[in-house]
Amino acid sequence: MVEKKSIPLCVILTIVTCGIYGLYWFICVHNSTKALANDNDDVSAGIALLLTIVTCGIYGIYWAYKRGKQLEDAFRMRGLPDSDNKAILYLILFLIISIVAWCLIQNDINKLVDYDNGNKA
């Protein structure tokens, strides 16, 4: 089950734990987007994290792009209006400051969780 997360709390915990919470958050974001888009063909969160670490972040660029595509699909599946450029936005932001991309991805996850829980406002 996908749950909402407080974005400011995630950022603060990532900073306070010197990035350790960020690893957990990465896995949560991966699993959430995968579940929301019903994408069973995507790699596991652990593999994605390992590939991102081993490739010194290069796989993370693809990862951010893939999260955008999955969120675009999730919005379309629900008939919600959405822009078609989330994937490019997340990719560019991941290159500049990755935590900002994570925040925007988490924001979209939170919107979809609200929608799925009946809070369609």
N, C-alpha and C. Protein backbone atom coordinates (compact mmCIF):
# COMPACT_ATOMS: atom_id res chain seq x y z
N MET A 1 0.83 -1.18 0.00
CA MET A 1 0.00 0.00 0.00
C MET A 1 0.88 1.25 0.00
N VAL A 2 0.51 2.18 -0.83
CA VAL A 2 1.27 3.42 -0.96
C VAL A 2 0.77 4.41 0.09
N GLU A 3 1.71 5.04 0.79
CA GLU A 3 1.35 6.01 1.82
C GLU A 3 1.96 7.37 1.49
N LYS A 4 1.27 8.41 1.96
CA LYS A 4 1.79 9.76 1.81
C LYS A 4 2.97 9.94 2.76
N LYS A 5 3.90 10.79 2.36
CA LYS A 5 5.02 11.16 3.22
C LYS A 5 5.10 12.68 3.28
N SER A 6 5.51 13.18 4.42
CA SER A 6 5.74 14.60 4.59
C SER A 6 7.06 14.95 3.92
N ILE A 7 7.00 15.79 2.92
CA ILE A 7 8.21 16.14 2.17
C ILE A 7 9.22 16.89 3.04
N PRO A 8 8.79 17.91 3.81
CA PRO A 8 9.79 18.58 4.66
C PRO A 8 10.45 17.64 5.68
N LEU A 9 9.65 16.73 6.24
CA LEU A 9 10.21 15.78 7.20
C LEU A 9 11.22 14.85 6.52
N CYS A 10 10.92 14.40 5.31
CA CYS A 10 11.86 13.54 4.57
C CYS A 10 13.17 14.26 4.29
N VAL A 11 13.08 15.53 3.91
CA VAL A 11 14.29 16.30 3.62
C VAL A 11 15.10 16.50 4.90
N ILE A 12 14.43 16.87 5.99
CA ILE A 12 15.13 17.09 7.26
C ILE A 12 15.80 15.80 7.74
N LEU A 13 15.07 14.69 7.68
CA LEU A 13 15.65 13.41 8.11
C LEU A 13 16.82 13.00 7.23
N THR A 14 16.74 13.29 5.94
CA THR A 14 17.85 12.98 5.03
C THR A 14 19.09 13.78 5.41
N ILE A 15 18.90 15.04 5.74
CA ILE A 15 20.03 15.91 6.12
C ILE A 15 20.59 15.49 7.47
N VAL A 16 19.71 15.29 8.45
CA VAL A 16 20.15 14.96 9.81
C VAL A 16 20.87 13.61 9.86
N THR A 17 20.44 12.66 9.05
CA THR A 17 21.07 11.33 9.05
C THR A 17 22.20 11.21 8.03
N CYS A 18 22.64 12.33 7.50
CA CYS A 18 23.73 12.36 6.51
C CYS A 18 23.43 11.47 5.30
N GLY A 19 22.17 11.44 4.88
CA GLY A 19 21.79 10.73 3.67
C GLY A 19 21.27 9.32 3.87
N ILE A 20 21.38 8.79 5.08
CA ILE A 20 20.93 7.41 5.30
C ILE A 20 19.42 7.30 5.12
N TYR A 21 18.67 8.26 5.65
CA TYR A 21 17.22 8.24 5.44
C TYR A 21 16.91 8.40 3.95
N GLY A 22 17.74 9.13 3.23
CA GLY A 22 17.55 9.31 1.80
C GLY A 22 17.56 7.99 1.04
N LEU A 23 18.35 7.04 1.50
CA LEU A 23 18.37 5.72 0.86
C LEU A 23 17.03 5.03 1.05
N TYR A 24 16.49 5.12 2.27
CA TYR A 24 15.17 4.56 2.55
C TYR A 24 14.10 5.26 1.73
N TRP A 25 14.19 6.58 1.66
CA TRP A 25 13.22 7.38 0.90
C TRP A 25 13.27 7.01 -0.58
N PHE A 26 14.48 6.81 -1.12
CA PHE A 26 14.66 6.38 -2.51
C PHE A 26 13.89 5.09 -2.76
N ILE A 27 14.03 4.14 -1.86
CA ILE A 27 13.34 2.85 -2.01
C ILE A 27 11.83 3.04 -1.93
N CYS A 28 11.38 3.87 -1.00
CA CYS A 28 9.94 4.12 -0.86
C CYS A 28 9.37 4.77 -2.12
N VAL A 29 10.08 5.76 -2.65
CA VAL A 29 9.64 6.44 -3.87
C VAL A 29 9.58 5.45 -5.03
N HIS A 30 10.59 4.62 -5.14
CA HIS A 30 10.63 3.63 -6.22
C HIS A 30 9.43 2.69 -6.13
N ASN A 31 9.22 2.13 -4.95
CA ASN A 31 8.11 1.18 -4.77
C ASN A 31 6.75 1.85 -4.96
N SER A 32 6.62 3.09 -4.52
CA SER A 32 5.35 3.81 -4.65
C SER A 32 4.99 4.08 -6.10
N THR A 33 5.96 4.58 -6.87
CA THR A 33 5.67 4.87 -8.28
C THR A 33 5.39 3.59 -9.05
N LYS A 34 6.12 2.55 -8.71
CA LYS A 34 5.91 1.26 -9.35
C LYS A 34 4.50 0.74 -9.08
N ALA A 35 4.04 0.87 -7.83
CA ALA A 35 2.70 0.40 -7.46
C ALA A 35 1.62 1.27 -8.08
N LEU A 36 1.80 2.58 -8.05
CA LEU A 36 0.77 3.48 -8.59
C LEU A 36 0.58 3.31 -10.09
N ALA A 37 1.65 2.96 -10.80
CA ALA A 37 1.57 2.78 -12.25
C ALA A 37 1.31 1.33 -12.65
N ASN A 38 1.18 0.45 -11.67
CA ASN A 38 1.00 -0.99 -11.94
C ASN A 38 2.08 -1.52 -12.87
N ASP A 39 3.32 -1.12 -12.64
CA ASP A 39 4.44 -1.51 -13.49
C ASP A 39 5.18 -2.69 -12.84
N ASN A 40 4.84 -3.89 -13.25
CA ASN A 40 5.47 -5.09 -12.69
C ASN A 40 6.76 -5.45 -13.40
N ASP A 41 7.09 -4.76 -14.49
CA ASP A 41 8.29 -5.06 -15.25
C ASP A 41 9.51 -4.27 -14.77
N ASP A 42 9.30 -3.32 -13.87
CA ASP A 42 10.38 -2.48 -13.39
C ASP A 42 11.28 -3.29 -12.44
N VAL A 43 12.55 -2.90 -12.36
CA VAL A 43 13.48 -3.58 -11.46
C VAL A 43 13.07 -3.32 -10.01
N SER A 44 13.60 -4.12 -9.11
CA SER A 44 13.27 -3.92 -7.69
C SER A 44 13.96 -2.66 -7.18
N ALA A 45 13.46 -2.16 -6.06
CA ALA A 45 14.03 -0.94 -5.48
C ALA A 45 15.47 -1.16 -5.04
N GLY A 46 15.76 -2.32 -4.51
CA GLY A 46 17.12 -2.61 -4.06
C GLY A 46 18.11 -2.61 -5.22
N ILE A 47 17.71 -3.21 -6.33
CA ILE A 47 18.58 -3.22 -7.52
C ILE A 47 18.77 -1.80 -8.04
N ALA A 48 17.70 -1.01 -8.07
CA ALA A 48 17.81 0.37 -8.55
C ALA A 48 18.76 1.18 -7.66
N LEU A 49 18.65 1.00 -6.35
CA LEU A 49 19.53 1.71 -5.43
C LEU A 49 20.98 1.26 -5.63
N LEU A 50 21.18 -0.04 -5.73
CA LEU A 50 22.53 -0.57 -5.92
C LEU A 50 23.14 -0.07 -7.23
N LEU A 51 22.36 -0.09 -8.30
CA LEU A 51 22.87 0.40 -9.59
C LEU A 51 23.19 1.90 -9.54
N THR A 52 22.38 2.66 -8.81
CA THR A 52 22.64 4.09 -8.68
C THR A 52 23.95 4.32 -7.93
N ILE A 53 24.17 3.56 -6.87
CA ILE A 53 25.40 3.71 -6.09
C ILE A 53 26.62 3.25 -6.89
N VAL A 54 26.53 2.08 -7.52
CA VAL A 54 27.66 1.51 -8.25
C VAL A 54 28.05 2.37 -9.45
N THR A 55 27.06 2.97 -10.11
CA THR A 55 27.37 3.80 -11.29
C THR A 55 27.60 5.26 -10.92
N CYS A 56 27.78 5.54 -9.63
CA CYS A 56 28.03 6.90 -9.14
C CYS A 56 26.93 7.87 -9.59
N GLY A 57 25.70 7.41 -9.58
CA GLY A 57 24.56 8.26 -9.89
C GLY A 57 24.09 8.25 -11.32
N ILE A 58 24.83 7.63 -12.20
CA ILE A 58 24.44 7.64 -13.62
C ILE A 58 23.12 6.90 -13.82
N TYR A 59 22.97 5.74 -13.16
CA TYR A 59 21.70 5.03 -13.26
C TYR A 59 20.57 5.87 -12.64
N GLY A 60 20.90 6.68 -11.67
CA GLY A 60 19.91 7.55 -11.03
C GLY A 60 19.26 8.51 -12.00
N ILE A 61 19.98 8.91 -13.01
CA ILE A 61 19.42 9.80 -14.03
C ILE A 61 18.30 9.07 -14.76
N TYR A 62 18.58 7.84 -15.18
CA TYR A 62 17.54 7.03 -15.83
C TYR A 62 16.40 6.75 -14.85
N TRP A 63 16.75 6.48 -13.60
CA TRP A 63 15.75 6.20 -12.56
C TRP A 63 14.77 7.37 -12.44
N ALA A 64 15.28 8.59 -12.38
CA ALA A 64 14.42 9.77 -12.26
C ALA A 64 13.51 9.90 -13.48
N TYR A 65 14.05 9.66 -14.66
CA TYR A 65 13.26 9.71 -15.89
C TYR A 65 12.15 8.66 -15.85
N LYS A 66 12.49 7.46 -15.41
CA LYS A 66 11.52 6.37 -15.34
C LYS A 66 10.40 6.67 -14.33
N ARG A 67 10.75 7.31 -13.19
CA ARG A 67 9.72 7.69 -12.21
C ARG A 67 8.74 8.66 -12.86
N GLY A 68 9.25 9.60 -13.63
CA GLY A 68 8.38 10.55 -14.31
C GLY A 68 7.43 9.87 -15.27
N LYS A 69 7.95 8.93 -16.04
CA LYS A 69 7.10 8.19 -16.98
C LYS A 69 6.03 7.39 -16.24
N GLN A 70 6.42 6.76 -15.13
CA GLN A 70 5.45 5.98 -14.36
C GLN A 70 4.37 6.89 -13.76
N LEU A 71 4.76 8.05 -13.28
CA LEU A 71 3.77 8.97 -12.72
C LEU A 71 2.85 9.52 -13.80
N GLU A 72 3.40 9.80 -14.99
CA GLU A 72 2.55 10.23 -16.10
C GLU A 72 1.52 9.16 -16.40
N ASP A 73 1.95 7.90 -16.43
CA ASP A 73 1.03 6.79 -16.68
C ASP A 73 -0.01 6.67 -15.57
N ALA A 74 0.42 6.85 -14.33
CA ALA A 74 -0.50 6.74 -13.20
C ALA A 74 -1.57 7.84 -13.26
N PHE A 75 -1.17 9.06 -13.61
CA PHE A 75 -2.14 10.15 -13.74
C PHE A 75 -3.12 9.85 -14.88
N ARG A 76 -2.60 9.37 -16.03
CA ARG A 76 -3.46 9.05 -17.17
C ARG A 76 -4.44 7.92 -16.84
N MET A 77 -3.98 6.90 -16.13
CA MET A 77 -4.84 5.77 -15.78
C MET A 77 -6.03 6.21 -14.94
N ARG A 78 -5.84 7.26 -14.17
CA ARG A 78 -6.90 7.77 -13.30
C ARG A 78 -7.72 8.87 -13.98
N GLY A 79 -7.35 9.22 -15.19
CA GLY A 79 -8.06 10.26 -15.92
C GLY A 79 -7.80 11.65 -15.38
N LEU A 80 -6.67 11.82 -14.71
CA LEU A 80 -6.32 13.12 -14.14
C LEU A 80 -5.49 13.93 -15.13
N PRO A 81 -5.69 15.24 -15.15
CA PRO A 81 -4.89 16.08 -16.04
C PRO A 81 -3.44 16.10 -15.56
N ASP A 82 -2.54 16.02 -16.51
CA ASP A 82 -1.13 16.01 -16.17
C ASP A 82 -0.32 16.45 -17.37
N SER A 83 0.83 17.02 -17.10
CA SER A 83 1.71 17.42 -18.20
C SER A 83 2.51 16.21 -18.65
N ASP A 84 2.93 16.22 -19.89
CA ASP A 84 3.69 15.10 -20.44
C ASP A 84 5.19 15.27 -20.30
N ASN A 85 5.61 16.24 -19.52
CA ASN A 85 7.05 16.48 -19.43
C ASN A 85 7.61 16.23 -18.04
N LYS A 86 6.93 15.47 -17.21
CA LYS A 86 7.43 15.15 -15.88
C LYS A 86 8.76 14.43 -15.95
N ALA A 87 8.88 13.48 -16.85
CA ALA A 87 10.09 12.68 -16.95
C ALA A 87 11.31 13.55 -17.24
N ILE A 88 11.17 14.47 -18.17
CA ILE A 88 12.29 15.37 -18.52
C ILE A 88 12.61 16.29 -17.35
N LEU A 89 11.58 16.82 -16.69
CA LEU A 89 11.78 17.69 -15.54
C LEU A 89 12.54 16.97 -14.44
N TYR A 90 12.12 15.75 -14.11
CA TYR A 90 12.79 14.99 -13.06
C TYR A 90 14.22 14.66 -13.44
N LEU A 91 14.45 14.34 -14.70
CA LEU A 91 15.80 14.03 -15.17
C LEU A 91 16.71 15.24 -14.99
N ILE A 92 16.26 16.40 -15.43
CA ILE A 92 17.08 17.62 -15.32
C ILE A 92 17.33 17.98 -13.86
N LEU A 93 16.29 17.92 -13.04
CA LEU A 93 16.46 18.25 -11.63
C LEU A 93 17.37 17.25 -10.92
N PHE A 94 17.29 15.98 -11.31
CA PHE A 94 18.16 14.98 -10.71
C PHE A 94 19.62 15.31 -11.02
N LEU A 95 19.88 15.83 -12.21
CA LEU A 95 21.24 16.21 -12.58
C LEU A 95 21.74 17.39 -11.76
N ILE A 96 20.84 18.31 -11.42
CA ILE A 96 21.24 19.52 -10.71
C ILE A 96 21.27 19.28 -9.19
N ILE A 97 20.10 18.99 -8.62
CA ILE A 97 19.97 18.71 -7.18
C ILE A 97 18.96 17.58 -7.04
N SER A 98 19.45 16.39 -6.82
CA SER A 98 18.58 15.21 -6.84
C SER A 98 17.47 15.26 -5.80
N ILE A 99 17.72 15.85 -4.66
CA ILE A 99 16.70 15.86 -3.61
C ILE A 99 15.47 16.68 -4.03
N VAL A 100 15.67 17.67 -4.88
CA VAL A 100 14.54 18.45 -5.38
C VAL A 100 13.66 17.56 -6.29
N ALA A 101 14.30 16.74 -7.10
CA ALA A 101 13.54 15.79 -7.94
C ALA A 101 12.76 14.83 -7.05
N TRP A 102 13.39 14.33 -5.99
CA TRP A 102 12.70 13.41 -5.08
C TRP A 102 11.49 14.09 -4.45
N CYS A 103 11.65 15.37 -4.09
CA CYS A 103 10.53 16.12 -3.47
C CYS A 103 9.36 16.25 -4.44
N LEU A 104 9.64 16.57 -5.69
CA LEU A 104 8.57 16.70 -6.68
C LEU A 104 7.91 15.36 -6.97
N ILE A 105 8.71 14.31 -7.03
CA ILE A 105 8.15 12.97 -7.23
C ILE A 105 7.25 12.61 -6.05
N GLN A 106 7.73 12.87 -4.83
CA GLN A 106 6.92 12.56 -3.65
C GLN A 106 5.65 13.39 -3.63
N ASN A 107 5.71 14.63 -4.08
CA ASN A 107 4.51 15.47 -4.15
C ASN A 107 3.47 14.85 -5.08
N ASP A 108 3.91 14.35 -6.24
CA ASP A 108 2.98 13.70 -7.17
C ASP A 108 2.44 12.39 -6.58
N ILE A 109 3.28 11.66 -5.88
CA ILE A 109 2.81 10.44 -5.21
C ILE A 109 1.73 10.79 -4.20
N ASN A 110 1.96 11.84 -3.42
CA ASN A 110 0.97 12.27 -2.42
C ASN A 110 -0.35 12.66 -3.07
N LYS A 111 -0.29 13.34 -4.23
CA LYS A 111 -1.51 13.71 -4.95
C LYS A 111 -2.29 12.47 -5.38
N LEU A 112 -1.58 11.48 -5.89
CA LEU A 112 -2.24 10.25 -6.34
C LEU A 112 -2.82 9.47 -5.18
N VAL A 113 -2.13 9.45 -4.05
CA VAL A 113 -2.65 8.76 -2.86
C VAL A 113 -3.92 9.46 -2.38
N ASP A 114 -3.90 10.80 -2.36
CA ASP A 114 -5.11 11.55 -1.99
C ASP A 114 -6.26 11.20 -2.93
N TYR A 115 -5.98 11.17 -4.21
CA TYR A 115 -7.02 10.86 -5.19
C TYR A 115 -7.57 9.45 -4.97
N ASP A 116 -6.68 8.50 -4.77
CA ASP A 116 -7.11 7.11 -4.57
C ASP A 116 -7.88 6.93 -3.27
N ASN A 117 -7.61 7.78 -2.28
CA ASN A 117 -8.32 7.68 -1.00
C ASN A 117 -9.62 8.49 -0.99
N GLY A 118 -9.99 9.07 -2.12
CA GLY A 118 -11.26 9.78 -2.22
C GLY A 118 -11.17 11.27 -1.98
N ASN A 119 -9.98 11.78 -1.74
CA ASN A 119 -9.80 13.23 -1.56
C ASN A 119 -9.47 13.84 -2.91
N LYS A 120 -10.50 14.01 -3.72
CA LYS A 120 -10.29 14.44 -5.11
C LYS A 120 -10.22 15.94 -5.28
N ALA A 121 -10.01 16.65 -4.22
CA ALA A 121 -9.97 18.12 -4.27
C ALA A 121 -8.70 18.62 -4.90
